[in-house]
Amino acid sequence: MPPFTSVLLRGLLAGLIAGLLAGAFAYLAGEPRVEAAIAIEEQAVHADPAAGDDHHADELVSRDGQRGGLFLATGLFGVAMGGLLSTAYALLRRRLRIRHDAQAALALSGAALLGAVIVPFGKYPANPPAVGDPDTINQRTGGYLAMVILGLVAVWAGVLAYRSMHAGAPQWSRCAVAVAGFLATVVVGYLALPSFHEVPADFPAGLLWDFRLASLGTQLVLWAGIGLAFAALLHRGPERPIGSEPSPEAIVPARS
């Protein structure tokens, strides 16, 4: 495995690349839904002039500024996630029963996508700007962060369940135990954490789910990009199975 500094730099670069790609996807797929949601919010503001005063007072950044900041935000977030992934890779590489570095990087990014994105999305899907009670923002944020942690714990529980089976067990049974351990942890988290039902009854269901799918797609692009870019950057060096060491003859040249 390359030195930690080299691994970290590759992870940061992979995160930057993936973050910019995710920003492009969010701009193309998400911005039209955001604009439609804001239009609905503006209609409600015109219907209630008192609410309009609060709305304009709270608007600190213009829409043009928000669009420009989108790529900055996704780029910085990608760099942060790439740094975390590369750190986790450096800490866990020798514990992973995967022969090649690039495959290990893809496995870790896939685990992060499953635990930190897909599992929380099932409990707390993203809502457009016109949806949500400002009074519950702290509770919703805390619940989402707790679900991210539980999602990663669920992935870890699935791995432990898989490894708990003896080596001679059929592969299908080991996979079934892993899935059961993962799902059991997810179900406990879904039941234990509070739910928030704040979508207005008159909000268009199609727009709501288009926005949610665009938000999920942005995360999929981000983590797929990080995994693929990080694996490609690791693969640029000489590929060596984990645990293999150079022979003494390769270290000490033969005397003539």
C-alpha atoms as a PDB file:
ATOM      1  CA  MET A   1       0.000   0.000   0.000  1.00  0.00           C
ATOM      2  CA  PRO A   2       1.327   3.523  -0.778  1.00  0.00           C
ATOM      3  CA  PRO A   3       2.337   5.824   2.112  1.00  0.00           C
ATOM      4  CA  PHE A   4      -0.513   7.562   3.960  1.00  0.00           C
ATOM      5  CA  THR A   5       0.344  11.010   2.593  1.00  0.00           C
ATOM      6  CA  SER A   6       0.143   9.705  -0.956  1.00  0.00           C
ATOM      7  CA  VAL A   7      -3.139   7.910  -0.224  1.00  0.00           C
ATOM      8  CA  LEU A   8      -4.618  11.042   1.361  1.00  0.00           C
ATOM      9  CA  LEU A   9      -3.652  13.280  -1.564  1.00  0.00           C
ATOM     10  CA  ARG A  10      -5.186  10.833  -4.017  1.00  0.00           C
ATOM     11  CA  GLY A  11      -8.367  10.734  -1.958  1.00  0.00           C
ATOM     12  CA  LEU A  12      -8.577  14.535  -1.841  1.00  0.00           C
ATOM     13  CA  LEU A  13      -8.074  14.785  -5.600  1.00  0.00           C
ATOM     14  CA  ALA A  14     -10.668  12.065  -6.218  1.00  0.00           C
ATOM     15  CA  GLY A  15     -13.100  13.925  -3.973  1.00  0.00           C
ATOM     16  CA  LEU A  16     -12.583  17.196  -5.832  1.00  0.00           C
ATOM     17  CA  ILE A  17     -13.212  15.541  -9.195  1.00  0.00           C
ATOM     18  CA  ALA A  18     -16.305  13.757  -7.913  1.00  0.00           C
ATOM     19  CA  GLY A  19     -17.589  16.890  -6.174  1.00  0.00           C
ATOM     20  CA  LEU A  20     -17.455  18.930  -9.375  1.00  0.00           C
ATOM     21  CA  LEU A  21     -19.220  16.131 -11.273  1.00  0.00           C
ATOM     22  CA  ALA A  22     -21.889  15.971  -8.584  1.00  0.00           C
ATOM     23  CA  GLY A  23     -22.279  19.748  -8.800  1.00  0.00           C
ATOM     24  CA  ALA A  24     -22.850  19.516 -12.545  1.00  0.00           C
ATOM     25  CA  PHE A  25     -25.475  16.805 -12.016  1.00  0.00           C
ATOM     26  CA  ALA A  26     -27.186  18.831  -9.277  1.00  0.00           C
ATOM     27  CA  TYR A  27     -27.235  21.901 -11.504  1.00  0.00           C
ATOM     28  CA  LEU A  28     -28.781  20.046 -14.441  1.00  0.00           C
ATOM     29  CA  ALA A  29     -31.159  17.729 -12.578  1.00  0.00           C
ATOM     30  CA  GLY A  30     -31.856  19.542  -9.320  1.00  0.00           C
ATOM     31  CA  GLU A  31     -31.965  23.263 -10.118  1.00  0.00           C
ATOM     32  CA  PRO A  32     -35.147  23.091 -12.261  1.00  0.00           C
ATOM     33  CA  ARG A  33     -36.927  21.355  -9.355  1.00  0.00           C
ATOM     34  CA  VAL A  34     -35.625  23.944  -6.901  1.00  0.00           C
ATOM     35  CA  GLU A  35     -36.898  26.738  -9.142  1.00  0.00           C
ATOM     36  CA  ALA A  36     -40.326  25.092  -9.354  1.00  0.00           C
ATOM     37  CA  ALA A  37     -40.458  24.679  -5.566  1.00  0.00           C
ATOM     38  CA  ILE A  38     -39.447  28.322  -5.055  1.00  0.00           C
ATOM     39  CA  ALA A  39     -42.202  29.380  -7.464  1.00  0.00           C
ATOM     40  CA  ILE A  40     -44.718  27.532  -5.298  1.00  0.00           C
ATOM     41  CA  GLU A  41     -43.267  29.216  -2.217  1.00  0.00           C
ATOM     42  CA  GLU A  42     -43.544  32.623  -3.908  1.00  0.00           C
ATOM     43  CA  GLN A  43     -47.208  31.988  -4.669  1.00  0.00           C
ATOM     44  CA  ALA A  44     -47.797  31.305  -0.985  1.00  0.00           C
ATOM     45  CA  VAL A  45     -45.904  34.507  -0.112  1.00  0.00           C
ATOM     46  CA  HIS A  46     -48.099  36.584  -2.411  1.00  0.00           C
ATOM     47  CA  ALA A  47     -51.151  35.047  -0.814  1.00  0.00           C
ATOM     48  CA  ASP A  48     -49.872  36.068   2.649  1.00  0.00           C
ATOM     49  CA  PRO A  49     -48.128  39.489   2.562  1.00  0.00           C
ATOM     50  CA  ALA A  50     -47.050  39.211   6.199  1.00  0.00           C
ATOM     51  CA  ALA A  51     -45.195  35.991   5.421  1.00  0.00           C
ATOM     52  CA  GLY A  52     -43.639  37.752   2.439  1.00  0.00           C
ATOM     53  CA  ASP A  53     -41.917  40.264   4.686  1.00  0.00           C
ATOM     54  CA  ASP A  54     -40.305  37.443   6.688  1.00  0.00           C
ATOM     55  CA  HIS A  55     -39.381  35.603   3.513  1.00  0.00           C
ATOM     56  CA  HIS A  56     -37.472  38.533   1.998  1.00  0.00           C
ATOM     57  CA  ALA A  57     -35.829  39.312   5.318  1.00  0.00           C
ATOM     58  CA  ASP A  58     -34.478  35.776   5.535  1.00  0.00           C
ATOM     59  CA  GLU A  59     -33.090  35.786   1.957  1.00  0.00           C
ATOM     60  CA  LEU A  60     -29.392  36.405   2.564  1.00  0.00           C
ATOM     61  CA  VAL A  61     -28.027  35.036  -0.741  1.00  0.00           C
ATOM     62  CA  SER A  62     -29.539  35.607  -4.172  1.00  0.00           C
ATOM     63  CA  ARG A  63     -30.438  32.735  -6.461  1.00  0.00           C
ATOM     64  CA  ASP A  64     -27.537  33.591  -8.770  1.00  0.00           C
ATOM     65  CA  GLY A  65     -25.209  33.429  -5.776  1.00  0.00           C
ATOM     66  CA  GLN A  66     -26.687  30.095  -4.742  1.00  0.00           C
ATOM     67  CA  ARG A  67     -26.143  28.658  -8.220  1.00  0.00           C
ATOM     68  CA  GLY A  68     -22.544  29.831  -8.253  1.00  0.00           C
ATOM     69  CA  GLY A  69     -21.975  28.483  -4.780  1.00  0.00           C
ATOM     70  CA  LEU A  70     -23.370  25.078  -5.724  1.00  0.00           C
ATOM     71  CA  PHE A  71     -20.131  23.945  -7.366  1.00  0.00           C
ATOM     72  CA  LEU A  72     -18.069  25.371  -4.518  1.00  0.00           C
ATOM     73  CA  ALA A  73     -20.189  23.516  -1.972  1.00  0.00           C
ATOM     74  CA  THR A  74     -20.144  20.183  -3.788  1.00  0.00           C
ATOM     75  CA  GLY A  75     -16.431  20.534  -4.528  1.00  0.00           C
ATOM     76  CA  LEU A  76     -15.546  21.204  -0.889  1.00  0.00           C
ATOM     77  CA  PHE A  77     -17.874  18.437   0.294  1.00  0.00           C
ATOM     78  CA  GLY A  78     -16.300  16.034  -2.186  1.00  0.00           C
ATOM     79  CA  VAL A  79     -12.805  16.931  -0.952  1.00  0.00           C
ATOM     80  CA  ALA A  80     -13.908  16.302   2.650  1.00  0.00           C
ATOM     81  CA  MET A  81     -15.492  12.946   1.784  1.00  0.00           C
ATOM     82  CA  GLY A  82     -12.479  11.954  -0.297  1.00  0.00           C
ATOM     83  CA  GLY A  83     -10.240  12.715   2.674  1.00  0.00           C
ATOM     84  CA  LEU A  84     -12.409  10.621   4.984  1.00  0.00           C
ATOM     85  CA  LEU A  85     -12.518   7.740   2.512  1.00  0.00           C
ATOM     86  CA  SER A  86      -8.744   7.745   2.014  1.00  0.00           C
ATOM     87  CA  THR A  87      -8.202   7.854   5.798  1.00  0.00           C
ATOM     88  CA  ALA A  88     -10.582   4.939   6.302  1.00  0.00           C
ATOM     89  CA  TYR A  89      -8.804   3.101   3.500  1.00  0.00           C
ATOM     90  CA  ALA A  90      -5.406   3.602   5.149  1.00  0.00           C
ATOM     91  CA  LEU A  91      -6.729   2.404   8.518  1.00  0.00           C
ATOM     92  CA  LEU A  92      -8.741  -0.568   7.270  1.00  0.00           C
ATOM     93  CA  ARG A  93      -6.794  -1.759   4.219  1.00  0.00           C
ATOM     94  CA  ARG A  94      -4.965  -4.598   5.976  1.00  0.00           C
ATOM     95  CA  ARG A  95      -8.207  -5.792   7.573  1.00  0.00           C
ATOM     96  CA  LEU A  96     -10.033  -6.082   4.266  1.00  0.00           C
ATOM     97  CA  ARG A  97     -10.001  -9.510   2.717  1.00  0.00           C
ATOM     98  CA  ILE A  98      -9.683  -8.070  -0.787  1.00  0.00           C
ATOM     99  CA  ARG A  99      -6.592  -8.744  -2.843  1.00  0.00           C
ATOM    100  CA  HIS A 100      -6.146  -5.538  -4.809  1.00  0.00           C
ATOM    101  CA  ASP A 101      -6.052  -1.911  -3.717  1.00  0.00           C
ATOM    102  CA  ALA A 102      -8.452  -0.592  -6.356  1.00  0.00           C
ATOM    103  CA  GLN A 103     -11.073  -3.196  -5.481  1.00  0.00           C
ATOM    104  CA  ALA A 104     -10.721  -2.341  -1.788  1.00  0.00           C
ATOM    105  CA  ALA A 105     -11.251   1.358  -2.575  1.00  0.00           C
ATOM    106  CA  LEU A 106     -14.408   0.572  -4.534  1.00  0.00           C
ATOM    107  CA  ALA A 107     -15.699  -1.641  -1.725  1.00  0.00           C
ATOM    108  CA  LEU A 108     -15.196   1.103   0.872  1.00  0.00           C
ATOM    109  CA  SER A 109     -16.862   3.764  -1.263  1.00  0.00           C
ATOM    110  CA  GLY A 110     -19.783   1.416  -1.906  1.00  0.00           C
ATOM    111  CA  ALA A 111     -20.132   0.766   1.820  1.00  0.00           C
ATOM    112  CA  ALA A 112     -20.107   4.528   2.497  1.00  0.00           C
ATOM    113  CA  LEU A 113     -22.742   5.090  -0.192  1.00  0.00           C
ATOM    114  CA  LEU A 114     -24.976   2.399   1.282  1.00  0.00           C
ATOM    115  CA  GLY A 115     -24.577   3.355   4.933  1.00  0.00           C
ATOM    116  CA  ALA A 116     -24.265   7.144   4.785  1.00  0.00           C
ATOM    117  CA  VAL A 117     -26.595   7.929   1.854  1.00  0.00           C
ATOM    118  CA  ILE A 118     -29.083   5.205   0.911  1.00  0.00           C
ATOM    119  CA  VAL A 119     -30.039   4.122   4.440  1.00  0.00           C
ATOM    120  CA  PRO A 120     -30.682   7.696   5.697  1.00  0.00           C
ATOM    121  CA  PHE A 121     -32.582   8.499   2.489  1.00  0.00           C
ATOM    122  CA  GLY A 122     -35.066   5.739   3.287  1.00  0.00           C
ATOM    123  CA  LYS A 123     -35.915   7.388   6.605  1.00  0.00           C
ATOM    124  CA  TYR A 124     -35.363  11.069   5.856  1.00  0.00           C
ATOM    125  CA  PRO A 125     -35.610  11.795   2.111  1.00  0.00           C
ATOM    126  CA  ALA A 126     -34.621  15.284   1.006  1.00  0.00           C
ATOM    127  CA  ASN A 127     -37.292  17.984   0.762  1.00  0.00           C
ATOM    128  CA  PRO A 128     -37.357  21.014  -1.560  1.00  0.00           C
ATOM    129  CA  PRO A 129     -37.141  24.580  -0.172  1.00  0.00           C
ATOM    130  CA  ALA A 130     -40.925  25.030   0.155  1.00  0.00           C
ATOM    131  CA  VAL A 131     -41.278  21.971   2.411  1.00  0.00           C
ATOM    132  CA  GLY A 132     -40.407  21.745   6.093  1.00  0.00           C
ATOM    133  CA  ASP A 133     -41.185  23.505   9.352  1.00  0.00           C
ATOM    134  CA  PRO A 134     -38.364  25.854  10.472  1.00  0.00           C
ATOM    135  CA  ASP A 135     -39.197  25.046  14.096  1.00  0.00           C
ATOM    136  CA  THR A 136     -38.176  21.392  13.614  1.00  0.00           C
ATOM    137  CA  ILE A 137     -34.929  21.955  11.712  1.00  0.00           C
ATOM    138  CA  ASN A 138     -32.742  21.042  14.707  1.00  0.00           C
ATOM    139  CA  GLN A 139     -34.675  17.827  15.340  1.00  0.00           C
ATOM    140  CA  ARG A 140     -34.572  16.877  11.672  1.00  0.00           C
ATOM    141  CA  THR A 141     -30.852  17.579  11.438  1.00  0.00           C
ATOM    142  CA  GLY A 142     -30.126  15.543  14.575  1.00  0.00           C
ATOM    143  CA  GLY A 143     -32.268  12.663  13.372  1.00  0.00           C
ATOM    144  CA  TYR A 144     -30.550  12.629   9.980  1.00  0.00           C
ATOM    145  CA  LEU A 145     -27.053  12.608  11.496  1.00  0.00           C
ATOM    146  CA  ALA A 146     -28.093   9.801  13.853  1.00  0.00           C
ATOM    147  CA  MET A 147     -29.403   7.844  10.868  1.00  0.00           C
ATOM    148  CA  VAL A 148     -26.080   8.304   9.035  1.00  0.00           C
ATOM    149  CA  ILE A 149     -24.242   6.832  12.024  1.00  0.00           C
ATOM    150  CA  LEU A 150     -26.704   3.958  12.315  1.00  0.00           C
ATOM    151  CA  GLY A 151     -26.416   3.304   8.580  1.00  0.00           C
ATOM    152  CA  LEU A 152     -22.648   2.895   8.859  1.00  0.00           C
ATOM    153  CA  VAL A 153     -23.139   0.714  11.946  1.00  0.00           C
ATOM    154  CA  ALA A 154     -25.562  -1.412   9.920  1.00  0.00           C
ATOM    155  CA  VAL A 155     -22.927  -1.964   7.225  1.00  0.00           C
ATOM    156  CA  TRP A 156     -20.401  -2.904   9.910  1.00  0.00           C
ATOM    157  CA  ALA A 157     -22.950  -5.292  11.484  1.00  0.00           C
ATOM    158  CA  GLY A 158     -23.457  -6.966   8.118  1.00  0.00           C
ATOM    159  CA  VAL A 159     -19.710  -7.444   7.673  1.00  0.00           C
ATOM    160  CA  LEU A 160     -19.357  -8.890  11.179  1.00  0.00           C
ATOM    161  CA  ALA A 161     -22.269 -11.257  10.567  1.00  0.00           C
ATOM    162  CA  TYR A 162     -20.666 -12.418   7.317  1.00  0.00           C
ATOM    163  CA  ARG A 163     -17.339 -13.084   9.013  1.00  0.00           C
ATOM    164  CA  SER A 164     -18.963 -14.808  11.982  1.00  0.00           C
ATOM    165  CA  MET A 165     -19.856 -17.809   9.822  1.00  0.00           C
ATOM    166  CA  HIS A 166     -17.222 -20.524   9.652  1.00  0.00           C
ATOM    167  CA  ALA A 167     -15.102 -20.650   6.520  1.00  0.00           C
ATOM    168  CA  GLY A 168     -16.731 -23.880   5.275  1.00  0.00           C
ATOM    169  CA  ALA A 169     -20.269 -22.427   5.278  1.00  0.00           C
ATOM    170  CA  PRO A 170     -21.970 -22.037   1.885  1.00  0.00           C
ATOM    171  CA  GLN A 171     -21.566 -18.617   0.339  1.00  0.00           C
ATOM    172  CA  TRP A 172     -25.326 -18.067   0.113  1.00  0.00           C
ATOM    173  CA  SER A 173     -25.751 -18.641   3.843  1.00  0.00           C
ATOM    174  CA  ARG A 174     -22.970 -16.203   4.706  1.00  0.00           C
ATOM    175  CA  CYS A 175     -24.537 -13.567   2.460  1.00  0.00           C
ATOM    176  CA  ALA A 176     -27.978 -14.222   3.958  1.00  0.00           C
ATOM    177  CA  VAL A 177     -26.629 -13.748   7.486  1.00  0.00           C
ATOM    178  CA  ALA A 178     -24.882 -10.519   6.417  1.00  0.00           C
ATOM    179  CA  VAL A 179     -28.067  -9.126   4.867  1.00  0.00           C
ATOM    180  CA  ALA A 180     -30.061 -10.114   7.962  1.00  0.00           C
ATOM    181  CA  GLY A 181     -27.607  -8.366  10.281  1.00  0.00           C
ATOM    182  CA  PHE A 182     -27.658  -5.249   8.098  1.00  0.00           C
ATOM    183  CA  LEU A 183     -31.456  -5.108   7.802  1.00  0.00           C
ATOM    184  CA  ALA A 184     -32.012  -5.769  11.516  1.00  0.00           C
ATOM    185  CA  THR A 185     -29.864  -2.757  12.422  1.00  0.00           C
ATOM    186  CA  VAL A 186     -31.587  -0.558   9.837  1.00  0.00           C
ATOM    187  CA  VAL A 187     -35.072  -1.531  11.046  1.00  0.00           C
ATOM    188  CA  VAL A 188     -34.144  -0.770  14.660  1.00  0.00           C
ATOM    189  CA  GLY A 189     -32.879   2.650  13.598  1.00  0.00           C
ATOM    190  CA  TYR A 190     -35.995   3.399  11.538  1.00  0.00           C
ATOM    191  CA  LEU A 191     -38.266   2.490  14.442  1.00  0.00           C
ATOM    192  CA  ALA A 192     -36.243   4.246  17.146  1.00  0.00           C
ATOM    193  CA  LEU A 193     -35.796   7.626  15.436  1.00  0.00           C
ATOM    194  CA  PRO A 194     -38.697  10.079  15.054  1.00  0.00           C
ATOM    195  CA  SER A 195     -40.480  10.648  11.767  1.00  0.00           C
ATOM    196  CA  PHE A 196     -41.392  14.033  10.294  1.00  0.00           C
ATOM    197  CA  HIS A 197     -44.409  14.424   8.015  1.00  0.00           C
ATOM    198  CA  GLU A 198     -44.325  18.072   6.982  1.00  0.00           C
ATOM    199  CA  VAL A 199     -45.121  17.957   3.265  1.00  0.00           C
ATOM    200  CA  PRO A 200     -48.232  20.093   2.590  1.00  0.00           C
ATOM    201  CA  ALA A 201     -51.162  18.150   1.219  1.00  0.00           C
ATOM    202  CA  ASP A 202     -51.377  20.428  -1.817  1.00  0.00           C
ATOM    203  CA  PHE A 203     -47.684  20.165  -2.762  1.00  0.00           C
ATOM    204  CA  PRO A 204     -47.262  18.385  -6.147  1.00  0.00           C
ATOM    205  CA  ALA A 205     -46.193  14.801  -5.493  1.00  0.00           C
ATOM    206  CA  GLY A 206     -44.394  14.551  -8.830  1.00  0.00           C
ATOM    207  CA  LEU A 207     -42.239  17.603  -8.112  1.00  0.00           C
ATOM    208  CA  LEU A 208     -41.494  16.340  -4.603  1.00  0.00           C
ATOM    209  CA  TRP A 209     -40.166  12.991  -5.814  1.00  0.00           C
ATOM    210  CA  ASP A 210     -38.364  14.489  -8.780  1.00  0.00           C
ATOM    211  CA  PHE A 211     -36.465  16.681  -6.318  1.00  0.00           C
ATOM    212  CA  ARG A 212     -35.763  13.765  -3.992  1.00  0.00           C
ATOM    213  CA  LEU A 213     -34.490  11.576  -6.808  1.00  0.00           C
ATOM    214  CA  ALA A 214     -32.298  14.408  -8.098  1.00  0.00           C
ATOM    215  CA  SER A 215     -30.868  14.825  -4.589  1.00  0.00           C
ATOM    216  CA  LEU A 216     -30.220  11.099  -4.309  1.00  0.00           C
ATOM    217  CA  GLY A 217     -28.717  11.057  -7.798  1.00  0.00           C
ATOM    218  CA  THR A 218     -26.292  13.813  -6.798  1.00  0.00           C
ATOM    219  CA  GLN A 219     -25.061  11.672  -3.905  1.00  0.00           C
ATOM    220  CA  LEU A 220     -24.791   8.623  -6.153  1.00  0.00           C
ATOM    221  CA  VAL A 221     -22.677  10.576  -8.638  1.00  0.00           C
ATOM    222  CA  LEU A 222     -20.518  11.898  -5.812  1.00  0.00           C
ATOM    223  CA  TRP A 223     -19.737   8.545  -4.191  1.00  0.00           C
ATOM    224  CA  ALA A 224     -19.449   6.640  -7.461  1.00  0.00           C
ATOM    225  CA  GLY A 225     -17.072   9.337  -8.694  1.00  0.00           C
ATOM    226  CA  ILE A 226     -14.997   9.237  -5.511  1.00  0.00           C
ATOM    227  CA  GLY A 227     -14.747   5.453  -5.610  1.00  0.00           C
ATOM    228  CA  LEU A 228     -13.851   5.227  -9.291  1.00  0.00           C
ATOM    229  CA  ALA A 229     -11.410   8.161  -9.243  1.00  0.00           C
ATOM    230  CA  PHE A 230      -9.731   6.966  -6.045  1.00  0.00           C
ATOM    231  CA  ALA A 231      -9.430   3.423  -7.401  1.00  0.00           C
ATOM    232  CA  ALA A 232      -7.995   4.737 -10.668  1.00  0.00           C
ATOM    233  CA  LEU A 233      -5.446   6.904  -8.850  1.00  0.00           C
ATOM    234  CA  LEU A 234      -4.410   3.969  -6.664  1.00  0.00           C
ATOM    235  CA  HIS A 235      -4.129   1.770  -9.735  1.00  0.00           C
ATOM    236  CA  ARG A 236      -1.595   4.163 -11.271  1.00  0.00           C
ATOM    237  CA  GLY A 237       1.057   2.667  -8.973  1.00  0.00           C
ATOM    238  CA  PRO A 238       2.297  -0.905  -9.236  1.00  0.00           C
ATOM    239  CA  GLU A 239      -0.550  -3.273  -8.315  1.00  0.00           C
ATOM    240  CA  ARG A 240       0.469  -5.624  -5.545  1.00  0.00           C
ATOM    241  CA  PRO A 241      -1.823  -7.982  -3.655  1.00  0.00           C
ATOM    242  CA  ILE A 242      -2.209  -7.169   0.016  1.00  0.00           C
ATOM    243  CA  GLY A 243       0.286  -8.900   2.228  1.00  0.00           C
ATOM    244  CA  SER A 244       2.764  -9.540  -0.555  1.00  0.00           C
ATOM    245  CA  GLU A 245       6.289  -8.335   0.039  1.00  0.00           C
ATOM    246  CA  PRO A 246       9.198  -7.948  -2.352  1.00  0.00           C
ATOM    247  CA  SER A 247      11.688 -10.771  -2.343  1.00  0.00           C
ATOM    248  CA  PRO A 248      15.139 -10.290  -0.760  1.00  0.00           C
ATOM    249  CA  GLU A 249      16.679 -10.549  -4.218  1.00  0.00           C
ATOM    250  CA  ALA A 250      14.614  -7.512  -5.287  1.00  0.00           C
ATOM    251  CA  ILE A 251      15.909  -5.506  -2.350  1.00  0.00           C
ATOM    252  CA  VAL A 252      19.590  -6.526  -2.325  1.00  0.00           C
ATOM    253  CA  PRO A 253      21.185  -6.646  -5.761  1.00  0.00           C
ATOM    254  CA  ALA A 254      23.230  -9.724  -6.528  1.00  0.00           C
ATOM    255  CA  ARG A 255      26.997  -9.324  -6.263  1.00  0.00           C
ATOM    256  CA  SER A 256      28.978  -9.863  -9.386  1.00  0.00           C
END
